Structures are given as structure tokens and as C-alpha cells.
Amino acid sequence: AREEKPARKTLFDQFDPNGNGYLSLAEVDKGLIEQFQLDSGSQFATKRCKPAIIRAFQAAKDVSGSTEGASAEYVTRSEFRLLLVYLQRYFELLAVFDEVDSGDDRRVDADEFARAVPKLRSWGVIVRNPAAEFKKVDANGGGQVLFDEFAVWALKRGLDMLDDEPEEGEESLVEQHKGADAEASKAAGVAGSRSGGDSA
């Protein structure tokens, strides 16, 4: 909202101590620790939240579509609002992931996923066939799901732990994942047709 803009400007300036107008991942990390006391004096919380911070940072810096110059590797002032939106969303997804990860080993197996079906239902995701759905989540077929894979799946399925209205810009996260999926499928198709051609 417009009334939040001055507060965001101040916050960006606090995250950007050298005043160059760009935020690196390290500056975002440091800003979260200093401005929100994220780690309460230890590195545990930041380490625990790191997968969510990385996902949010990558998504925000890619919004502009720039592939050259500093803006391709950093979050700019104009992308900062989306960084905050994405941090909130990915922190929420990380909290869900931690709930599903009953073994507390930062990965989810098929049994843990099946046991979490009632929780997933309470967050708006109906899973009728846990084994088949787990295969969809486990994009690389490794038998264990890491946070990145879980986040992609959860965003596509519209999982919402907080049951709140989506923030403006949040829908672009889903679009990014759909685009990445389309590119991956296209690449797989090209690779398949090449290997098919070689065997003929």
C-alpha cells in the first residue's frame, strides 16, 4: 500500500548500508538478523530459515527479467516490496515443511508425506492418493523431498497455512514456477527426441 512506502524505503536503506541501491543475499541475511532479531543472538534461526530466504531472494531478483548488469544478481529498490512478500510466503511454506518433516532431518519421505495428509487438508490441499502425489512432489525422483521441491509443489497447489488474502505480486511466484516447469519439460522433450534420433 502507498502508506507503507516510506517505511519500506527506510527498511531498504537499513538493509543497504553501503547505499549502492542493490541488495546482495548476504545483505538480506544481515538485514533480517539486525532489523527483525531473526536469530536472537545465535546463528541457528538464520541457518534454519536459509532455504526460505534463498528462494525469496532468487524469486525477487528475477522479477525484472534483467539478465545483465547488477540488477540480474541483486534485489533492487523497486523489487524490495516483492522480496518482503516472498519472504513472508516462503517462511510460511518453511513452517509447513517443518510440520510435515516429522523426522526433523530437513527432508520429507513418502511416509511422512502420507501422515501429513490431514494437516495438508487443513491448509487447503486435498491429497486423495498420497503415494501418487508424493511422486509429483519428488520432482527428481530421489525418494526424499527437500524444501525447494516442496515449495514448488505447495505454491502450485495453493497451500495457505494462514488462510489470508494473497499479497499483490504473490501470484507471480506461481507463474515463475509454471514457467520453469514449461522450460524443464521442453528441455526434456528436446533431449528425448535427440536420444530417440540417435538410437534410430
C-alpha atoms as a PDB file:
ATOM      1  CA  ALA A   1       0.000   0.000   0.000  1.00  0.00           C
ATOM      2  CA  ARG A   2       1.080   3.574  -0.662  1.00  0.00           C
ATOM      3  CA  GLU A   3       1.164   4.485   3.036  1.00  0.00           C
ATOM      4  CA  GLU A   4       3.715   1.691   3.607  1.00  0.00           C
ATOM      5  CA  LYS A   5       6.131   3.064   1.011  1.00  0.00           C
ATOM      6  CA  PRO A   6       8.101   5.408   3.351  1.00  0.00           C
ATOM      7  CA  ALA A   7       8.563   2.555   5.861  1.00  0.00           C
ATOM      8  CA  ARG A   8       9.788   0.266   3.052  1.00  0.00           C
ATOM      9  CA  LYS A   9      12.221   2.948   1.863  1.00  0.00           C
ATOM     10  CA  THR A  10      13.638   3.266   5.390  1.00  0.00           C
ATOM     11  CA  LEU A  11      13.886  -0.513   5.735  1.00  0.00           C
ATOM     12  CA  PHE A  12      15.641  -0.850   2.358  1.00  0.00           C
ATOM     13  CA  ASP A  13      18.165   1.799   3.429  1.00  0.00           C
ATOM     14  CA  GLN A  14      18.820  -0.170   6.624  1.00  0.00           C
ATOM     15  CA  PHE A  15      19.380  -3.352   4.586  1.00  0.00           C
ATOM     16  CA  ASP A  16      21.679  -1.415   2.209  1.00  0.00           C
ATOM     17  CA  PRO A  17      24.423   0.021   4.466  1.00  0.00           C
ATOM     18  CA  ASN A  18      26.752   0.917   1.576  1.00  0.00           C
ATOM     19  CA  GLY A  19      23.944   2.827  -0.159  1.00  0.00           C
ATOM     20  CA  ASN A  20      24.551   1.419  -3.651  1.00  0.00           C
ATOM     21  CA  GLY A  21      20.847   0.683  -4.256  1.00  0.00           C
ATOM     22  CA  TYR A  22      21.348  -3.080  -4.587  1.00  0.00           C
ATOM     23  CA  LEU A  23      20.904  -5.839  -2.008  1.00  0.00           C
ATOM     24  CA  SER A  24      23.029  -8.970  -2.072  1.00  0.00           C
ATOM     25  CA  LEU A  25      21.888 -12.191  -0.425  1.00  0.00           C
ATOM     26  CA  ALA A  26      24.393 -11.537   2.391  1.00  0.00           C
ATOM     27  CA  GLU A  27      22.912  -8.060   2.967  1.00  0.00           C
ATOM     28  CA  VAL A  28      19.395  -9.503   3.099  1.00  0.00           C
ATOM     29  CA  ASP A  29      20.594 -12.106   5.629  1.00  0.00           C
ATOM     30  CA  LYS A  30      22.274  -9.432   7.751  1.00  0.00           C
ATOM     31  CA  GLY A  31      19.291  -7.091   7.466  1.00  0.00           C
ATOM     32  CA  LEU A  32      16.880  -9.770   8.661  1.00  0.00           C
ATOM     33  CA  ILE A  33      19.099 -10.508  11.653  1.00  0.00           C
ATOM     34  CA  GLU A  34      19.601  -6.867  12.604  1.00  0.00           C
ATOM     35  CA  GLN A  35      16.165  -5.437  11.835  1.00  0.00           C
ATOM     36  CA  PHE A  36      13.984  -8.344  12.942  1.00  0.00           C
ATOM     37  CA  GLN A  37      16.254 -10.023  15.509  1.00  0.00           C
ATOM     38  CA  LEU A  38      15.775 -13.148  13.408  1.00  0.00           C
ATOM     39  CA  ASP A  39      18.394 -15.166  15.219  1.00  0.00           C
ATOM     40  CA  SER A  40      18.043 -13.854  18.817  1.00  0.00           C
ATOM     41  CA  GLY A  41      21.792 -13.905  19.307  1.00  0.00           C
ATOM     42  CA  SER A  42      22.582 -17.204  17.588  1.00  0.00           C
ATOM     43  CA  GLN A  43      23.049 -18.363  14.007  1.00  0.00           C
ATOM     44  CA  PHE A  44      20.542 -21.207  14.421  1.00  0.00           C
ATOM     45  CA  ALA A  45      17.413 -19.376  13.228  1.00  0.00           C
ATOM     46  CA  THR A  46      19.076 -17.839  10.187  1.00  0.00           C
ATOM     47  CA  LYS A  47      20.537 -21.205   9.245  1.00  0.00           C
ATOM     48  CA  ARG A  48      17.121 -22.809   9.706  1.00  0.00           C
ATOM     49  CA  CYS A  49      15.438 -20.105   7.599  1.00  0.00           C
ATOM     50  CA  LYS A  50      18.141 -20.046   4.909  1.00  0.00           C
ATOM     51  CA  PRO A  51      16.237 -22.163   2.324  1.00  0.00           C
ATOM     52  CA  ALA A  52      13.261 -19.766   2.524  1.00  0.00           C
ATOM     53  CA  ILE A  53      15.496 -16.683   2.343  1.00  0.00           C
ATOM     54  CA  ILE A  54      17.320 -18.028  -0.730  1.00  0.00           C
ATOM     55  CA  ARG A  55      14.060 -18.902  -2.542  1.00  0.00           C
ATOM     56  CA  ALA A  56      12.565 -15.464  -1.794  1.00  0.00           C
ATOM     57  CA  PHE A  57      15.756 -13.668  -2.864  1.00  0.00           C
ATOM     58  CA  GLN A  58      16.009 -15.606  -6.145  1.00  0.00           C
ATOM     59  CA  ALA A  59      12.331 -15.005  -6.958  1.00  0.00           C
ATOM     60  CA  ALA A  60      12.501 -11.264  -6.200  1.00  0.00           C
ATOM     61  CA  LYS A  61      15.693 -10.580  -8.155  1.00  0.00           C
ATOM     62  CA  ASP A  62      14.298 -12.414 -11.187  1.00  0.00           C
ATOM     63  CA  VAL A  63      11.077 -10.368 -11.334  1.00  0.00           C
ATOM     64  CA  SER A  64      12.540  -7.608 -13.510  1.00  0.00           C
ATOM     65  CA  GLY A  65      13.617 -10.170 -16.118  1.00  0.00           C
ATOM     66  CA  SER A  66      17.023  -8.486 -16.377  1.00  0.00           C
ATOM     67  CA  THR A  67      19.827 -10.898 -17.268  1.00  0.00           C
ATOM     68  CA  GLU A  68      22.651  -8.360 -17.448  1.00  0.00           C
ATOM     69  CA  GLY A  69      24.328  -5.985 -15.017  1.00  0.00           C
ATOM     70  CA  ALA A  70      23.977  -5.718 -11.263  1.00  0.00           C
ATOM     71  CA  SER A  71      20.173  -5.967 -11.269  1.00  0.00           C
ATOM     72  CA  ALA A  72      20.417  -9.560 -12.531  1.00  0.00           C
ATOM     73  CA  GLU A  73      22.271 -10.653  -9.372  1.00  0.00           C
ATOM     74  CA  TYR A  74      20.842  -8.331  -6.733  1.00  0.00           C
ATOM     75  CA  VAL A  75      17.485  -7.132  -5.423  1.00  0.00           C
ATOM     76  CA  THR A  76      16.861  -3.519  -6.401  1.00  0.00           C
ATOM     77  CA  ARG A  77      14.793  -0.934  -4.553  1.00  0.00           C
ATOM     78  CA  SER A  78      11.887  -1.496  -6.969  1.00  0.00           C
ATOM     79  CA  GLU A  79      11.971  -5.262  -6.232  1.00  0.00           C
ATOM     80  CA  PHE A  80      12.184  -4.849  -2.450  1.00  0.00           C
ATOM     81  CA  ARG A  81       8.422  -4.894  -1.807  1.00  0.00           C
ATOM     82  CA  LEU A  82       8.176  -8.237  -3.593  1.00  0.00           C
ATOM     83  CA  LEU A  83      11.156  -9.547  -1.624  1.00  0.00           C
ATOM     84  CA  LEU A  84       9.205  -8.845   1.597  1.00  0.00           C
ATOM     85  CA  VAL A  85       6.064 -10.512   0.174  1.00  0.00           C
ATOM     86  CA  TYR A  86       8.072 -13.551  -0.933  1.00  0.00           C
ATOM     87  CA  LEU A  87       9.910 -13.808   2.392  1.00  0.00           C
ATOM     88  CA  GLN A  88       6.568 -13.966   4.191  1.00  0.00           C
ATOM     89  CA  ARG A  89       5.272 -16.633   1.792  1.00  0.00           C
ATOM     90  CA  TYR A  90       8.405 -18.786   1.902  1.00  0.00           C
ATOM     91  CA  PHE A  91       8.687 -18.512   5.706  1.00  0.00           C
ATOM     92  CA  GLU A  92       5.099 -19.772   5.833  1.00  0.00           C
ATOM     93  CA  LEU A  93       5.941 -22.656   3.482  1.00  0.00           C
ATOM     94  CA  LEU A  94       9.040 -23.487   5.533  1.00  0.00           C
ATOM     95  CA  ALA A  95       6.868 -23.671   8.671  1.00  0.00           C
ATOM     96  CA  VAL A  96       4.553 -26.089   6.825  1.00  0.00           C
ATOM     97  CA  PHE A  97       7.534 -28.118   5.589  1.00  0.00           C
ATOM     98  CA  ASP A  98       8.865 -28.368   9.157  1.00  0.00           C
ATOM     99  CA  GLU A  99       5.452 -29.638  10.315  1.00  0.00           C
ATOM    100  CA  VAL A 100       5.439 -32.334   7.616  1.00  0.00           C
ATOM    101  CA  ASP A 101       9.095 -33.244   8.318  1.00  0.00           C
ATOM    102  CA  SER A 102       8.354 -35.231  11.481  1.00  0.00           C
ATOM    103  CA  GLY A 103      11.879 -36.737  11.473  1.00  0.00           C
ATOM    104  CA  ASP A 104      13.360 -33.221  11.666  1.00  0.00           C
ATOM    105  CA  ASP A 105      16.083 -34.074   9.136  1.00  0.00           C
ATOM    106  CA  ARG A 106      15.240 -31.287   6.634  1.00  0.00           C
ATOM    107  CA  ARG A 107      13.724 -33.764   4.161  1.00  0.00           C
ATOM    108  CA  VAL A 108      10.355 -35.463   3.756  1.00  0.00           C
ATOM    109  CA  ASP A 109       9.887 -39.088   2.721  1.00  0.00           C
ATOM    110  CA  ALA A 110       6.736 -40.782   1.396  1.00  0.00           C
ATOM    111  CA  ASP A 111       5.640 -41.990   4.859  1.00  0.00           C
ATOM    112  CA  GLU A 112       5.959 -38.530   6.414  1.00  0.00           C
ATOM    113  CA  PHE A 113       4.036 -37.061   3.490  1.00  0.00           C
ATOM    114  CA  ALA A 114       1.233 -39.627   3.863  1.00  0.00           C
ATOM    115  CA  ARG A 115       0.979 -38.961   7.608  1.00  0.00           C
ATOM    116  CA  ALA A 116       0.683 -35.218   6.911  1.00  0.00           C
ATOM    117  CA  VAL A 117      -2.364 -35.551   4.608  1.00  0.00           C
ATOM    118  CA  PRO A 118      -4.849 -34.374   7.320  1.00  0.00           C
ATOM    119  CA  LYS A 119      -2.657 -31.320   8.040  1.00  0.00           C
ATOM    120  CA  LEU A 120      -2.371 -30.560   4.339  1.00  0.00           C
ATOM    121  CA  ARG A 121      -6.171 -30.733   4.089  1.00  0.00           C
ATOM    122  CA  SER A 122      -6.487 -28.170   6.890  1.00  0.00           C
ATOM    123  CA  TRP A 123      -4.238 -25.871   4.824  1.00  0.00           C
ATOM    124  CA  GLY A 124      -6.434 -26.196   1.738  1.00  0.00           C
ATOM    125  CA  VAL A 125      -4.704 -29.012  -0.175  1.00  0.00           C
ATOM    126  CA  ILE A 126      -6.692 -32.215  -0.717  1.00  0.00           C
ATOM    127  CA  VAL A 127      -4.478 -35.244  -1.372  1.00  0.00           C
ATOM    128  CA  ARG A 128      -6.512 -38.275  -2.487  1.00  0.00           C
ATOM    129  CA  ASN A 129      -3.611 -40.576  -3.348  1.00  0.00           C
ATOM    130  CA  PRO A 130      -0.588 -39.785  -1.133  1.00  0.00           C
ATOM    131  CA  ALA A 131       1.801 -42.157  -2.954  1.00  0.00           C
ATOM    132  CA  ALA A 132       0.984 -40.721  -6.396  1.00  0.00           C
ATOM    133  CA  GLU A 133       1.047 -37.133  -5.115  1.00  0.00           C
ATOM    134  CA  PHE A 134       4.408 -37.688  -3.411  1.00  0.00           C
ATOM    135  CA  LYS A 135       5.861 -38.716  -6.786  1.00  0.00           C
ATOM    136  CA  LYS A 136       4.692 -35.360  -8.176  1.00  0.00           C
ATOM    137  CA  VAL A 137       6.348 -33.500  -5.292  1.00  0.00           C
ATOM    138  CA  ASP A 138       9.550 -35.546  -5.613  1.00  0.00           C
ATOM    139  CA  ALA A 139      10.495 -33.911  -8.912  1.00  0.00           C
ATOM    140  CA  ASN A 140      13.935 -35.514  -9.159  1.00  0.00           C
ATOM    141  CA  GLY A 141      12.725 -38.990  -8.138  1.00  0.00           C
ATOM    142  CA  GLY A 142      15.189 -39.207  -5.244  1.00  0.00           C
ATOM    143  CA  GLY A 143      12.681 -40.683  -2.783  1.00  0.00           C
ATOM    144  CA  GLN A 144      13.082 -37.717  -0.420  1.00  0.00           C
ATOM    145  CA  VAL A 145      11.744 -34.202  -0.847  1.00  0.00           C
ATOM    146  CA  LEU A 146      13.780 -31.139   0.072  1.00  0.00           C
ATOM    147  CA  PHE A 147      12.274 -27.725   0.799  1.00  0.00           C
ATOM    148  CA  ASP A 148      12.749 -26.427  -2.766  1.00  0.00           C
ATOM    149  CA  GLU A 149      10.683 -29.252  -4.271  1.00  0.00           C
ATOM    150  CA  PHE A 150       8.044 -28.955  -1.559  1.00  0.00           C
ATOM    151  CA  ALA A 151       7.743 -25.179  -2.044  1.00  0.00           C
ATOM    152  CA  VAL A 152       7.253 -25.513  -5.816  1.00  0.00           C
ATOM    153  CA  TRP A 153       4.503 -28.105  -5.291  1.00  0.00           C
ATOM    154  CA  ALA A 154       2.818 -26.202  -2.439  1.00  0.00           C
ATOM    155  CA  LEU A 155       2.662 -22.947  -4.411  1.00  0.00           C
ATOM    156  CA  LYS A 156       1.124 -24.714  -7.397  1.00  0.00           C
ATOM    157  CA  ARG A 157      -1.452 -26.392  -5.163  1.00  0.00           C
ATOM    158  CA  GLY A 158      -2.333 -23.107  -3.451  1.00  0.00           C
ATOM    159  CA  LEU A 159      -1.374 -24.222   0.063  1.00  0.00           C
ATOM    160  CA  ASP A 160      -2.179 -21.467   2.578  1.00  0.00           C
ATOM    161  CA  MET A 161      -1.348 -22.023   6.238  1.00  0.00           C
ATOM    162  CA  LEU A 162      -2.534 -18.578   7.324  1.00  0.00           C
ATOM    163  CA  ASP A 163      -5.773 -18.528   5.296  1.00  0.00           C
ATOM    164  CA  ASP A 164      -5.203 -14.873   4.408  1.00  0.00           C
ATOM    165  CA  GLU A 165      -5.667 -12.835   1.254  1.00  0.00           C
ATOM    166  CA  PRO A 166      -2.744 -13.193  -1.186  1.00  0.00           C
ATOM    167  CA  GLU A 167      -0.449 -10.169  -1.311  1.00  0.00           C
ATOM    168  CA  GLU A 168      -0.174  -8.244  -4.560  1.00  0.00           C
ATOM    169  CA  GLY A 169       2.617  -9.868  -6.574  1.00  0.00           C
ATOM    170  CA  GLU A 170       2.336 -13.258  -4.876  1.00  0.00           C
ATOM    171  CA  GLU A 171       0.699 -14.779  -7.949  1.00  0.00           C
ATOM    172  CA  SER A 172       3.896 -14.164  -9.919  1.00  0.00           C
ATOM    173  CA  LEU A 173       5.607 -16.806  -7.751  1.00  0.00           C
ATOM    174  CA  VAL A 174       3.252 -19.439  -9.143  1.00  0.00           C
ATOM    175  CA  GLU A 175       3.750 -18.091 -12.674  1.00  0.00           C
ATOM    176  CA  GLN A 176       7.536 -18.310 -12.253  1.00  0.00           C
ATOM    177  CA  HIS A 177       7.242 -21.950 -11.232  1.00  0.00           C
ATOM    178  CA  LYS A 178       4.907 -22.738 -14.138  1.00  0.00           C
ATOM    179  CA  GLY A 179       7.398 -21.091 -16.498  1.00  0.00           C
ATOM    180  CA  ALA A 180      10.276 -23.077 -15.026  1.00  0.00           C
ATOM    181  CA  ASP A 181       8.249 -26.285 -15.381  1.00  0.00           C
ATOM    182  CA  ALA A 182       7.474 -25.499 -19.015  1.00  0.00           C
ATOM    183  CA  GLU A 183      11.165 -24.869 -19.736  1.00  0.00           C
ATOM    184  CA  ALA A 184      12.151 -28.118 -17.987  1.00  0.00           C
ATOM    185  CA  SER A 185       9.540 -30.112 -19.943  1.00  0.00           C
ATOM    186  CA  LYS A 186      10.672 -28.509 -23.193  1.00  0.00           C
ATOM    187  CA  ALA A 187      14.319 -29.333 -22.431  1.00  0.00           C
ATOM    188  CA  ALA A 188      13.378 -32.910 -21.514  1.00  0.00           C
ATOM    189  CA  GLY A 189      11.435 -33.233 -24.776  1.00  0.00           C
ATOM    190  CA  VAL A 190      14.374 -31.975 -26.832  1.00  0.00           C
ATOM    191  CA  ALA A 191      16.754 -34.338 -25.014  1.00  0.00           C
ATOM    192  CA  GLY A 192      14.336 -37.228 -25.548  1.00  0.00           C
ATOM    193  CA  SER A 193      13.954 -36.537 -29.266  1.00  0.00           C
ATOM    194  CA  ARG A 194      17.731 -36.327 -29.650  1.00  0.00           C
ATOM    195  CA  SER A 195      18.316 -39.626 -27.876  1.00  0.00           C
ATOM    196  CA  GLY A 196      15.494 -41.171 -29.910  1.00  0.00           C
ATOM    197  CA  GLY A 197      17.135 -39.919 -33.090  1.00  0.00           C
ATOM    198  CA  ASP A 198      20.494 -41.341 -32.076  1.00  0.00           C
ATOM    199  CA  SER A 199      19.077 -44.807 -31.490  1.00  0.00           C
ATOM    200  CA  ALA A 200      17.299 -44.924 -34.858  1.00  0.00           C
END
